[in-house]
C-alpha atoms as a PDB file:
ATOM      1  CA  UNK A   1       0.000   0.000   0.000  1.00  0.00           C
ATOM      2  CA  UNK A   2       1.092   3.587  -0.493  1.00  0.00           C
ATOM      3  CA  UNK A   3       2.479   5.529   2.417  1.00  0.00           C
ATOM      4  CA  UNK A   4       1.742   9.233   2.732  1.00  0.00           C
ATOM      5  CA  UNK A   5       4.264   9.933   5.467  1.00  0.00           C
ATOM      6  CA  UNK A   6       7.508   8.227   4.530  1.00  0.00           C
ATOM      7  CA  UNK A   7      10.028   8.857   1.795  1.00  0.00           C
ATOM      8  CA  UNK A   8      11.040   5.669   0.026  1.00  0.00           C
ATOM      9  CA  UNK A   9      13.325   4.868  -2.880  1.00  0.00           C
ATOM     10  CA  UNK A  10      11.486   5.557  -6.108  1.00  0.00           C
ATOM     11  CA  UNK A  11       8.860   7.930  -4.693  1.00  0.00           C
ATOM     12  CA  UNK A  12      10.860  11.147  -4.367  1.00  0.00           C
ATOM     13  CA  UNK A  13       8.489  13.251  -6.473  1.00  0.00           C
ATOM     14  CA  UNK A  14       5.464  11.847  -4.645  1.00  0.00           C
ATOM     15  CA  UNK A  15       7.065  12.566  -1.254  1.00  0.00           C
ATOM     16  CA  UNK A  16       8.058  16.084  -2.298  1.00  0.00           C
ATOM     17  CA  UNK A  17       4.593  16.971  -3.568  1.00  0.00           C
ATOM     18  CA  UNK A  18       2.886  15.447  -0.521  1.00  0.00           C
ATOM     19  CA  UNK A  19       5.077  17.333   1.938  1.00  0.00           C
ATOM     20  CA  UNK A  20       4.840  20.447  -0.215  1.00  0.00           C
ATOM     21  CA  UNK A  21       1.043  20.349  -0.040  1.00  0.00           C
ATOM     22  CA  UNK A  22       1.259  20.151   3.758  1.00  0.00           C
ATOM     23  CA  UNK A  23       3.357  23.315   3.924  1.00  0.00           C
ATOM     24  CA  UNK A  24       1.366  25.127   1.266  1.00  0.00           C
ATOM     25  CA  UNK A  25      -1.981  24.398   2.902  1.00  0.00           C
ATOM     26  CA  UNK A  26      -0.752  25.554   6.334  1.00  0.00           C
ATOM     27  CA  UNK A  27       0.620  28.750   4.821  1.00  0.00           C
ATOM     28  CA  UNK A  28      -2.679  29.373   3.008  1.00  0.00           C
ATOM     29  CA  UNK A  29      -4.632  28.645   6.191  1.00  0.00           C
ATOM     30  CA  UNK A  30      -2.697  31.317   8.085  1.00  0.00           C
ATOM     31  CA  UNK A  31      -2.868  33.872   5.270  1.00  0.00           C
ATOM     32  CA  UNK A  32      -6.622  33.508   4.778  1.00  0.00           C
ATOM     33  CA  UNK A  33      -7.685  33.494   8.423  1.00  0.00           C
ATOM     34  CA  UNK A  34     -10.443  33.963   9.511  1.00  0.00           C
ATOM     35  CA  UNK A  35     -12.577  34.292   6.387  1.00  0.00           C
ATOM     36  CA  UNK A  36     -11.526  31.101   4.613  1.00  0.00           C
ATOM     37  CA  UNK A  37     -10.984  27.613   5.955  1.00  0.00           C
ATOM     38  CA  UNK A  38      -8.183  25.590   4.375  1.00  0.00           C
ATOM     39  CA  UNK A  39      -8.468  21.873   5.008  1.00  0.00           C
ATOM     40  CA  UNK A  40      -5.967  19.251   3.864  1.00  0.00           C
ATOM     41  CA  UNK A  41      -7.555  15.856   3.199  1.00  0.00           C
ATOM     42  CA  UNK A  42      -4.941  13.106   2.772  1.00  0.00           C
ATOM     43  CA  UNK A  43      -6.445   9.790   1.740  1.00  0.00           C
ATOM     44  CA  UNK A  44      -4.347   6.663   1.705  1.00  0.00           C
ATOM     45  CA  UNK A  45      -5.143   3.969  -0.822  1.00  0.00           C
ATOM     46  CA  UNK A  46      -8.658   4.436  -2.186  1.00  0.00           C
ATOM     47  CA  UNK A  47     -10.323   2.079  -4.641  1.00  0.00           C
ATOM     48  CA  UNK A  48     -10.054   4.279  -7.766  1.00  0.00           C
ATOM     49  CA  UNK A  49      -8.667   4.176 -11.288  1.00  0.00           C
ATOM     50  CA  UNK A  50      -5.374   5.790 -10.121  1.00  0.00           C
ATOM     51  CA  UNK A  51      -3.142   2.995 -11.492  1.00  0.00           C
ATOM     52  CA  UNK A  52      -4.538   3.415 -15.020  1.00  0.00           C
ATOM     53  CA  UNK A  53      -2.519   6.427 -16.304  1.00  0.00           C
ATOM     54  CA  UNK A  54       0.978   5.178 -15.435  1.00  0.00           C
ATOM     55  CA  UNK A  55       2.970   4.871 -18.644  1.00  0.00           C
ATOM     56  CA  UNK A  56       5.655   2.426 -17.595  1.00  0.00           C
ATOM     57  CA  UNK A  57       4.645  -1.155 -16.987  1.00  0.00           C
ATOM     58  CA  UNK A  58       6.709  -1.458 -13.782  1.00  0.00           C
ATOM     59  CA  UNK A  59       5.187   1.664 -12.213  1.00  0.00           C
ATOM     60  CA  UNK A  60       1.658   0.661 -13.235  1.00  0.00           C
ATOM     61  CA  UNK A  61       2.078  -2.846 -11.796  1.00  0.00           C
ATOM     62  CA  UNK A  62       3.552  -1.554  -8.526  1.00  0.00           C
ATOM     63  CA  UNK A  63       0.650   0.828  -7.980  1.00  0.00           C
ATOM     64  CA  UNK A  64      -1.921  -1.750  -9.088  1.00  0.00           C
ATOM     65  CA  UNK A  65      -0.553  -4.265  -6.571  1.00  0.00           C
ATOM     66  CA  UNK A  66      -1.061  -1.794  -3.732  1.00  0.00           C
ATOM     67  CA  UNK A  67      -4.426  -0.531  -4.878  1.00  0.00           C
ATOM     68  CA  UNK A  68      -5.811  -3.992  -5.636  1.00  0.00           C
ATOM     69  CA  UNK A  69      -6.188  -4.394  -1.871  1.00  0.00           C
ATOM     70  CA  UNK A  70      -7.732  -0.962  -1.286  1.00  0.00           C
ATOM     71  CA  UNK A  71     -10.977  -1.322   0.617  1.00  0.00           C
ATOM     72  CA  UNK A  72     -11.728   2.379   1.088  1.00  0.00           C
ATOM     73  CA  UNK A  73     -14.305   3.611  -1.405  1.00  0.00           C
ATOM     74  CA  UNK A  74     -14.428   7.147  -2.872  1.00  0.00           C
ATOM     75  CA  UNK A  75     -17.862   7.624  -1.304  1.00  0.00           C
ATOM     76  CA  UNK A  76     -16.324   7.112   2.156  1.00  0.00           C
ATOM     77  CA  UNK A  77     -13.795   9.886   1.513  1.00  0.00           C
ATOM     78  CA  UNK A  78     -16.613  12.127   0.288  1.00  0.00           C
ATOM     79  CA  UNK A  79     -18.541  11.479   3.502  1.00  0.00           C
ATOM     80  CA  UNK A  80     -15.544  12.603   5.577  1.00  0.00           C
ATOM     81  CA  UNK A  81     -15.176  15.745   3.451  1.00  0.00           C
ATOM     82  CA  UNK A  82     -18.863  16.544   3.967  1.00  0.00           C
ATOM     83  CA  UNK A  83     -18.455  16.051   7.719  1.00  0.00           C
ATOM     84  CA  UNK A  84     -15.454  18.388   7.872  1.00  0.00           C
ATOM     85  CA  UNK A  85     -17.180  21.086   5.818  1.00  0.00           C
ATOM     86  CA  UNK A  86     -20.338  20.860   7.910  1.00  0.00           C
ATOM     87  CA  UNK A  87     -18.520  22.004  11.068  1.00  0.00           C
ATOM     88  CA  UNK A  88     -19.453  25.465  12.341  1.00  0.00           C
ATOM     89  CA  UNK A  89     -17.483  28.351  10.794  1.00  0.00           C
ATOM     90  CA  UNK A  90     -15.728  29.071  14.102  1.00  0.00           C
ATOM     91  CA  UNK A  91     -14.221  25.559  14.037  1.00  0.00           C
ATOM     92  CA  UNK A  92     -11.830  24.198  11.480  1.00  0.00           C
ATOM     93  CA  UNK A  93     -10.274  20.818  11.051  1.00  0.00           C
ATOM     94  CA  UNK A  94      -6.915  21.571   9.467  1.00  0.00           C
ATOM     95  CA  UNK A  95      -5.798  18.101   8.396  1.00  0.00           C
ATOM     96  CA  UNK A  96      -7.412  14.708   7.952  1.00  0.00           C
ATOM     97  CA  UNK A  97      -5.319  11.621   7.237  1.00  0.00           C
ATOM     98  CA  UNK A  98      -7.432   8.659   6.121  1.00  0.00           C
ATOM     99  CA  UNK A  99      -6.088   5.188   5.429  1.00  0.00           C
ATOM    100  CA  UNK A 100      -7.373   1.669   5.126  1.00  0.00           C
ATOM    101  CA  UNK A 101      -7.057  -0.004   8.528  1.00  0.00           C
ATOM    102  CA  UNK A 102      -4.484  -2.448   7.169  1.00  0.00           C
ATOM    103  CA  UNK A 103      -2.343   0.136   5.339  1.00  0.00           C
ATOM    104  CA  UNK A 104       1.188   0.380   6.690  1.00  0.00           C
ATOM    105  CA  UNK A 105       2.853   3.710   7.414  1.00  0.00           C
END
């Protein structure tokens, strides 16, 4: 399964963009206070068509192997997003990390 918090050989760009989004969203949150809420939703492996666009066979197979076991459905992520957005305006949830229960890391 994919890991959103650890740098590993072969996922340097993924790690950089993930960590970059963390910093960017926190910066935006502080700049836009209090009129705009910035919420970072970080799903782990979700049962989607993500493996489809990979152009190299090795990369596609590696992602497909991890995502073949994904039990989290897109609808479940949407439900969490709706919950977060439904909180009162004076309350914000800054980050949500969601993973399948059996996902490592």
